[in-house]
């Protein structure tokens, strides 16, 4: 009986140990990183926002050095408007990149000392600050946005706002899947201190 019991116990322990180990996940390749749909979704959303804005406004408030720039703010959590995350900051950065790639001038608020900055959160502009910053840089519009997290998606709203009147000039809504990558960026939320 002992000769049967000992090997059976060993086999049971070995199988239990194997089941407890997570499956090995392959690291993504450079090719997969280059074709990641996250960036493509944000670029397409920026293109749609500009298309809705229309070419009639592209020289709005321009001067001798060319068309007026855009000011980009950090996307914020729709339920906590003073809070953002890595996701909100990454989307804002990609909007800024896409505007620049398409020949638009962009004011990078991270290098400006006069803008209200929250540690670990990004650029948040209150109404008065939007008007002051936009007037200083003669901005044609300010890009603002929110994100809302649901069970399966992150729903994003982008708007181009006239800084003088606070009138929405263009808007675009889109969604990202709430996959492990997106979840990891949402967990990295800036604190309010």
C-alpha atoms as a PDB file:
ATOM      1  CA  UNK A   1       0.000   0.000   0.000  1.00  0.00           C
ATOM      2  CA  UNK A   2       2.877   2.379   0.835  1.00  0.00           C
ATOM      3  CA  UNK A   3       4.482   1.695  -2.537  1.00  0.00           C
ATOM      4  CA  UNK A   4       1.323   2.882  -4.346  1.00  0.00           C
ATOM      5  CA  UNK A   5       0.570   5.765  -1.995  1.00  0.00           C
ATOM      6  CA  UNK A   6       3.996   7.455  -2.258  1.00  0.00           C
ATOM      7  CA  UNK A   7       4.096   7.716  -6.098  1.00  0.00           C
ATOM      8  CA  UNK A   8       0.424   8.800  -6.205  1.00  0.00           C
ATOM      9  CA  UNK A   9       1.100  11.564  -3.672  1.00  0.00           C
ATOM     10  CA  UNK A  10       4.179  12.704  -5.600  1.00  0.00           C
ATOM     11  CA  UNK A  11       2.180  12.806  -8.860  1.00  0.00           C
ATOM     12  CA  UNK A  12      -0.667  14.784  -7.235  1.00  0.00           C
ATOM     13  CA  UNK A  13       1.771  17.349  -5.779  1.00  0.00           C
ATOM     14  CA  UNK A  14       3.583  17.704  -9.098  1.00  0.00           C
ATOM     15  CA  UNK A  15       0.344  18.302 -11.012  1.00  0.00           C
ATOM     16  CA  UNK A  16      -0.818  20.845  -8.427  1.00  0.00           C
ATOM     17  CA  UNK A  17       2.480  22.732  -8.659  1.00  0.00           C
ATOM     18  CA  UNK A  18       2.285  22.830 -12.463  1.00  0.00           C
ATOM     19  CA  UNK A  19      -1.255  24.199 -12.407  1.00  0.00           C
ATOM     20  CA  UNK A  20      -0.250  27.050 -10.081  1.00  0.00           C
ATOM     21  CA  UNK A  21       2.343  28.453 -12.473  1.00  0.00           C
ATOM     22  CA  UNK A  22       1.090  31.039 -14.961  1.00  0.00           C
ATOM     23  CA  UNK A  23       1.501  30.349 -18.640  1.00  0.00           C
ATOM     24  CA  UNK A  24       4.544  31.995 -20.148  1.00  0.00           C
ATOM     25  CA  UNK A  25       3.543  35.123 -22.070  1.00  0.00           C
ATOM     26  CA  UNK A  26       5.602  36.052 -25.087  1.00  0.00           C
ATOM     27  CA  UNK A  27       7.030  39.573 -25.061  1.00  0.00           C
ATOM     28  CA  UNK A  28       5.708  41.784 -27.843  1.00  0.00           C
ATOM     29  CA  UNK A  29       7.924  42.342 -30.846  1.00  0.00           C
ATOM     30  CA  UNK A  30       9.020  45.638 -32.364  1.00  0.00           C
ATOM     31  CA  UNK A  31       6.722  44.923 -35.307  1.00  0.00           C
ATOM     32  CA  UNK A  32       3.752  44.503 -32.956  1.00  0.00           C
ATOM     33  CA  UNK A  33       4.677  47.718 -31.148  1.00  0.00           C
ATOM     34  CA  UNK A  34       4.907  49.615 -34.451  1.00  0.00           C
ATOM     35  CA  UNK A  35       1.439  48.459 -35.508  1.00  0.00           C
ATOM     36  CA  UNK A  36      -0.223  48.872 -32.111  1.00  0.00           C
ATOM     37  CA  UNK A  37      -3.800  50.132 -32.697  1.00  0.00           C
ATOM     38  CA  UNK A  38      -3.734  52.484 -29.664  1.00  0.00           C
ATOM     39  CA  UNK A  39      -1.717  55.131 -31.513  1.00  0.00           C
ATOM     40  CA  UNK A  40      -3.645  54.599 -34.761  1.00  0.00           C
ATOM     41  CA  UNK A  41      -6.961  55.143 -32.926  1.00  0.00           C
ATOM     42  CA  UNK A  42      -5.743  58.393 -31.372  1.00  0.00           C
ATOM     43  CA  UNK A  43      -4.314  59.651 -34.668  1.00  0.00           C
ATOM     44  CA  UNK A  44      -7.582  58.843 -36.480  1.00  0.00           C
ATOM     45  CA  UNK A  45      -9.546  60.672 -33.757  1.00  0.00           C
ATOM     46  CA  UNK A  46      -7.306  63.734 -34.160  1.00  0.00           C
ATOM     47  CA  UNK A  47      -7.789  63.653 -37.933  1.00  0.00           C
ATOM     48  CA  UNK A  48     -11.579  63.453 -37.458  1.00  0.00           C
ATOM     49  CA  UNK A  49     -11.496  66.356 -34.989  1.00  0.00           C
ATOM     50  CA  UNK A  50      -9.615  68.490 -37.542  1.00  0.00           C
ATOM     51  CA  UNK A  51     -11.915  67.439 -40.382  1.00  0.00           C
ATOM     52  CA  UNK A  52     -14.956  68.488 -38.337  1.00  0.00           C
ATOM     53  CA  UNK A  53     -13.201  71.776 -37.513  1.00  0.00           C
ATOM     54  CA  UNK A  54     -12.858  72.567 -41.207  1.00  0.00           C
ATOM     55  CA  UNK A  55     -10.254  74.430 -43.158  1.00  0.00           C
ATOM     56  CA  UNK A  56     -12.123  77.724 -42.759  1.00  0.00           C
ATOM     57  CA  UNK A  57     -10.729  78.068 -39.259  1.00  0.00           C
ATOM     58  CA  UNK A  58      -7.139  76.936 -39.796  1.00  0.00           C
ATOM     59  CA  UNK A  59      -5.828  80.483 -40.174  1.00  0.00           C
ATOM     60  CA  UNK A  60      -7.938  81.795 -37.320  1.00  0.00           C
ATOM     61  CA  UNK A  61      -5.979  84.318 -35.224  1.00  0.00           C
ATOM     62  CA  UNK A  62      -2.885  83.765 -37.373  1.00  0.00           C
ATOM     63  CA  UNK A  63      -0.057  86.219 -37.671  1.00  0.00           C
ATOM     64  CA  UNK A  64       2.911  86.794 -39.954  1.00  0.00           C
ATOM     65  CA  UNK A  65       4.630  83.621 -38.759  1.00  0.00           C
ATOM     66  CA  UNK A  66       1.784  81.405 -39.973  1.00  0.00           C
ATOM     67  CA  UNK A  67      -1.485  79.928 -38.739  1.00  0.00           C
ATOM     68  CA  UNK A  68      -2.289  80.260 -35.070  1.00  0.00           C
ATOM     69  CA  UNK A  69      -1.284  77.341 -32.831  1.00  0.00           C
ATOM     70  CA  UNK A  70      -3.379  74.879 -30.907  1.00  0.00           C
ATOM     71  CA  UNK A  71      -3.137  74.458 -27.137  1.00  0.00           C
ATOM     72  CA  UNK A  72      -3.485  70.874 -25.875  1.00  0.00           C
ATOM     73  CA  UNK A  73      -4.728  69.997 -22.391  1.00  0.00           C
ATOM     74  CA  UNK A  74      -4.589  66.632 -20.653  1.00  0.00           C
ATOM     75  CA  UNK A  75      -7.639  64.390 -20.998  1.00  0.00           C
ATOM     76  CA  UNK A  76      -9.360  63.949 -17.657  1.00  0.00           C
ATOM     77  CA  UNK A  77     -11.593  61.396 -15.986  1.00  0.00           C
ATOM     78  CA  UNK A  78     -15.203  62.455 -16.669  1.00  0.00           C
ATOM     79  CA  UNK A  79     -16.184  61.471 -13.112  1.00  0.00           C
ATOM     80  CA  UNK A  80     -13.302  63.369 -11.477  1.00  0.00           C
ATOM     81  CA  UNK A  81     -12.411  66.330 -13.651  1.00  0.00           C
ATOM     82  CA  UNK A  82      -9.302  67.174 -11.639  1.00  0.00           C
ATOM     83  CA  UNK A  83      -7.864  63.707 -12.137  1.00  0.00           C
ATOM     84  CA  UNK A  84      -6.118  62.110 -15.059  1.00  0.00           C
ATOM     85  CA  UNK A  85      -4.007  59.015 -15.603  1.00  0.00           C
ATOM     86  CA  UNK A  86      -1.240  57.716 -17.803  1.00  0.00           C
ATOM     87  CA  UNK A  87      -3.959  56.999 -20.362  1.00  0.00           C
ATOM     88  CA  UNK A  88      -5.163  60.626 -20.416  1.00  0.00           C
ATOM     89  CA  UNK A  89      -1.626  61.966 -20.650  1.00  0.00           C
ATOM     90  CA  UNK A  90      -0.618  59.484 -23.387  1.00  0.00           C
ATOM     91  CA  UNK A  91      -3.646  60.340 -25.539  1.00  0.00           C
ATOM     92  CA  UNK A  92      -2.916  64.073 -25.166  1.00  0.00           C
ATOM     93  CA  UNK A  93       0.695  63.500 -26.207  1.00  0.00           C
ATOM     94  CA  UNK A  94      -0.395  61.558 -29.281  1.00  0.00           C
ATOM     95  CA  UNK A  95      -2.911  64.267 -30.244  1.00  0.00           C
ATOM     96  CA  UNK A  96      -0.093  66.800 -30.013  1.00  0.00           C
ATOM     97  CA  UNK A  97       2.153  64.594 -32.150  1.00  0.00           C
ATOM     98  CA  UNK A  98      -0.521  64.110 -34.805  1.00  0.00           C
ATOM     99  CA  UNK A  99      -1.293  67.835 -35.015  1.00  0.00           C
ATOM    100  CA  UNK A 100       2.413  68.546 -35.462  1.00  0.00           C
ATOM    101  CA  UNK A 101       2.779  65.797 -38.084  1.00  0.00           C
ATOM    102  CA  UNK A 102      -0.055  67.312 -40.101  1.00  0.00           C
ATOM    103  CA  UNK A 103       1.621  70.725 -40.190  1.00  0.00           C
ATOM    104  CA  UNK A 104      -0.166  72.483 -37.327  1.00  0.00           C
ATOM    105  CA  UNK A 105       1.607  74.528 -34.696  1.00  0.00           C
ATOM    106  CA  UNK A 106       1.174  73.284 -31.123  1.00  0.00           C
ATOM    107  CA  UNK A 107       1.982  74.972 -27.818  1.00  0.00           C
ATOM    108  CA  UNK A 108       3.528  72.466 -25.401  1.00  0.00           C
ATOM    109  CA  UNK A 109       2.298  73.492 -21.963  1.00  0.00           C
ATOM    110  CA  UNK A 110       4.791  71.299 -20.147  1.00  0.00           C
ATOM    111  CA  UNK A 111       7.533  73.806 -20.874  1.00  0.00           C
ATOM    112  CA  UNK A 112       5.491  76.843 -19.790  1.00  0.00           C
ATOM    113  CA  UNK A 113       5.763  78.026 -16.183  1.00  0.00           C
ATOM    114  CA  UNK A 114       2.649  80.205 -16.269  1.00  0.00           C
ATOM    115  CA  UNK A 115       0.217  77.295 -16.636  1.00  0.00           C
ATOM    116  CA  UNK A 116      -1.413  75.601 -13.680  1.00  0.00           C
ATOM    117  CA  UNK A 117       0.282  72.205 -13.335  1.00  0.00           C
ATOM    118  CA  UNK A 118      -0.661  69.393 -10.963  1.00  0.00           C
ATOM    119  CA  UNK A 119       2.067  67.003  -9.938  1.00  0.00           C
ATOM    120  CA  UNK A 120       1.747  63.663 -11.799  1.00  0.00           C
ATOM    121  CA  UNK A 121      -1.391  64.712 -13.634  1.00  0.00           C
ATOM    122  CA  UNK A 122      -0.581  66.944 -16.579  1.00  0.00           C
ATOM    123  CA  UNK A 123      -1.967  70.252 -17.735  1.00  0.00           C
ATOM    124  CA  UNK A 124      -5.353  71.297 -16.391  1.00  0.00           C
ATOM    125  CA  UNK A 125      -6.721  74.616 -17.498  1.00  0.00           C
ATOM    126  CA  UNK A 126      -9.598  76.355 -15.816  1.00  0.00           C
ATOM    127  CA  UNK A 127     -11.752  78.690 -17.914  1.00  0.00           C
ATOM    128  CA  UNK A 128      -9.797  81.814 -16.944  1.00  0.00           C
ATOM    129  CA  UNK A 129      -6.480  80.068 -17.541  1.00  0.00           C
ATOM    130  CA  UNK A 130      -7.601  78.799 -20.959  1.00  0.00           C
ATOM    131  CA  UNK A 131      -8.417  82.343 -22.043  1.00  0.00           C
ATOM    132  CA  UNK A 132      -5.180  83.801 -20.666  1.00  0.00           C
ATOM    133  CA  UNK A 133      -2.958  81.093 -22.142  1.00  0.00           C
ATOM    134  CA  UNK A 134      -4.715  81.140 -25.511  1.00  0.00           C
ATOM    135  CA  UNK A 135      -4.534  84.943 -25.661  1.00  0.00           C
ATOM    136  CA  UNK A 136      -0.837  84.937 -24.810  1.00  0.00           C
ATOM    137  CA  UNK A 137      -0.043  82.512 -27.630  1.00  0.00           C
ATOM    138  CA  UNK A 138      -2.817  83.714 -29.963  1.00  0.00           C
ATOM    139  CA  UNK A 139      -4.163  80.150 -30.096  1.00  0.00           C
ATOM    140  CA  UNK A 140      -6.901  79.389 -32.574  1.00  0.00           C
ATOM    141  CA  UNK A 141      -8.382  76.622 -30.402  1.00  0.00           C
ATOM    142  CA  UNK A 142      -7.800  74.529 -27.314  1.00  0.00           C
ATOM    143  CA  UNK A 143      -8.060  70.735 -27.415  1.00  0.00           C
ATOM    144  CA  UNK A 144      -9.842  69.406 -24.326  1.00  0.00           C
ATOM    145  CA  UNK A 145     -11.119  65.934 -23.603  1.00  0.00           C
ATOM    146  CA  UNK A 146     -12.541  63.442 -21.159  1.00  0.00           C
ATOM    147  CA  UNK A 147     -12.571  59.681 -20.825  1.00  0.00           C
ATOM    148  CA  UNK A 148     -15.168  57.437 -19.170  1.00  0.00           C
ATOM    149  CA  UNK A 149     -14.500  53.840 -18.181  1.00  0.00           C
ATOM    150  CA  UNK A 150     -17.223  51.223 -18.680  1.00  0.00           C
ATOM    151  CA  UNK A 151     -17.184  47.458 -18.272  1.00  0.00           C
ATOM    152  CA  UNK A 152     -15.568  46.790 -21.665  1.00  0.00           C
ATOM    153  CA  UNK A 153     -14.464  50.123 -23.130  1.00  0.00           C
ATOM    154  CA  UNK A 154     -12.955  53.513 -22.422  1.00  0.00           C
ATOM    155  CA  UNK A 155     -15.147  56.139 -24.105  1.00  0.00           C
ATOM    156  CA  UNK A 156     -13.292  59.281 -25.151  1.00  0.00           C
ATOM    157  CA  UNK A 157     -14.631  62.702 -26.109  1.00  0.00           C
ATOM    158  CA  UNK A 158     -12.371  65.276 -27.754  1.00  0.00           C
ATOM    159  CA  UNK A 159     -13.360  68.892 -28.356  1.00  0.00           C
ATOM    160  CA  UNK A 160     -11.792  71.916 -30.011  1.00  0.00           C
ATOM    161  CA  UNK A 161     -12.900  74.930 -28.023  1.00  0.00           C
ATOM    162  CA  UNK A 162     -12.702  78.609 -28.991  1.00  0.00           C
ATOM    163  CA  UNK A 163     -10.732  80.113 -26.097  1.00  0.00           C
ATOM    164  CA  UNK A 164     -12.420  83.512 -26.384  1.00  0.00           C
ATOM    165  CA  UNK A 165     -16.041  82.352 -26.280  1.00  0.00           C
ATOM    166  CA  UNK A 166     -15.752  78.785 -24.867  1.00  0.00           C
ATOM    167  CA  UNK A 167     -17.811  77.704 -27.900  1.00  0.00           C
ATOM    168  CA  UNK A 168     -17.200  74.118 -29.034  1.00  0.00           C
ATOM    169  CA  UNK A 169     -15.921  74.314 -32.620  1.00  0.00           C
ATOM    170  CA  UNK A 170     -15.483  70.593 -33.256  1.00  0.00           C
ATOM    171  CA  UNK A 171     -16.046  67.358 -31.367  1.00  0.00           C
ATOM    172  CA  UNK A 172     -15.256  63.701 -31.882  1.00  0.00           C
ATOM    173  CA  UNK A 173     -16.131  60.628 -29.804  1.00  0.00           C
ATOM    174  CA  UNK A 174     -14.443  57.243 -29.988  1.00  0.00           C
ATOM    175  CA  UNK A 175     -13.781  54.203 -27.806  1.00  0.00           C
ATOM    176  CA  UNK A 176     -10.815  52.052 -26.903  1.00  0.00           C
ATOM    177  CA  UNK A 177     -11.120  48.467 -25.671  1.00  0.00           C
ATOM    178  CA  UNK A 178     -10.614  47.995 -21.943  1.00  0.00           C
ATOM    179  CA  UNK A 179      -7.838  45.474 -22.587  1.00  0.00           C
ATOM    180  CA  UNK A 180      -4.886  44.739 -20.247  1.00  0.00           C
ATOM    181  CA  UNK A 181      -2.787  47.493 -21.855  1.00  0.00           C
ATOM    182  CA  UNK A 182      -5.461  50.157 -21.368  1.00  0.00           C
ATOM    183  CA  UNK A 183      -6.209  48.949 -17.829  1.00  0.00           C
ATOM    184  CA  UNK A 184      -2.537  49.283 -16.893  1.00  0.00           C
ATOM    185  CA  UNK A 185      -2.538  52.945 -18.017  1.00  0.00           C
ATOM    186  CA  UNK A 186      -5.731  53.667 -16.087  1.00  0.00           C
ATOM    187  CA  UNK A 187      -4.274  52.294 -12.846  1.00  0.00           C
ATOM    188  CA  UNK A 188      -1.485  54.862 -13.012  1.00  0.00           C
ATOM    189  CA  UNK A 189      -3.552  57.803 -11.831  1.00  0.00           C
ATOM    190  CA  UNK A 190      -2.053  61.033 -10.604  1.00  0.00           C
ATOM    191  CA  UNK A 191      -2.846  61.974  -7.013  1.00  0.00           C
ATOM    192  CA  UNK A 192      -4.540  65.202  -6.083  1.00  0.00           C
ATOM    193  CA  UNK A 193      -1.835  66.503  -3.790  1.00  0.00           C
END
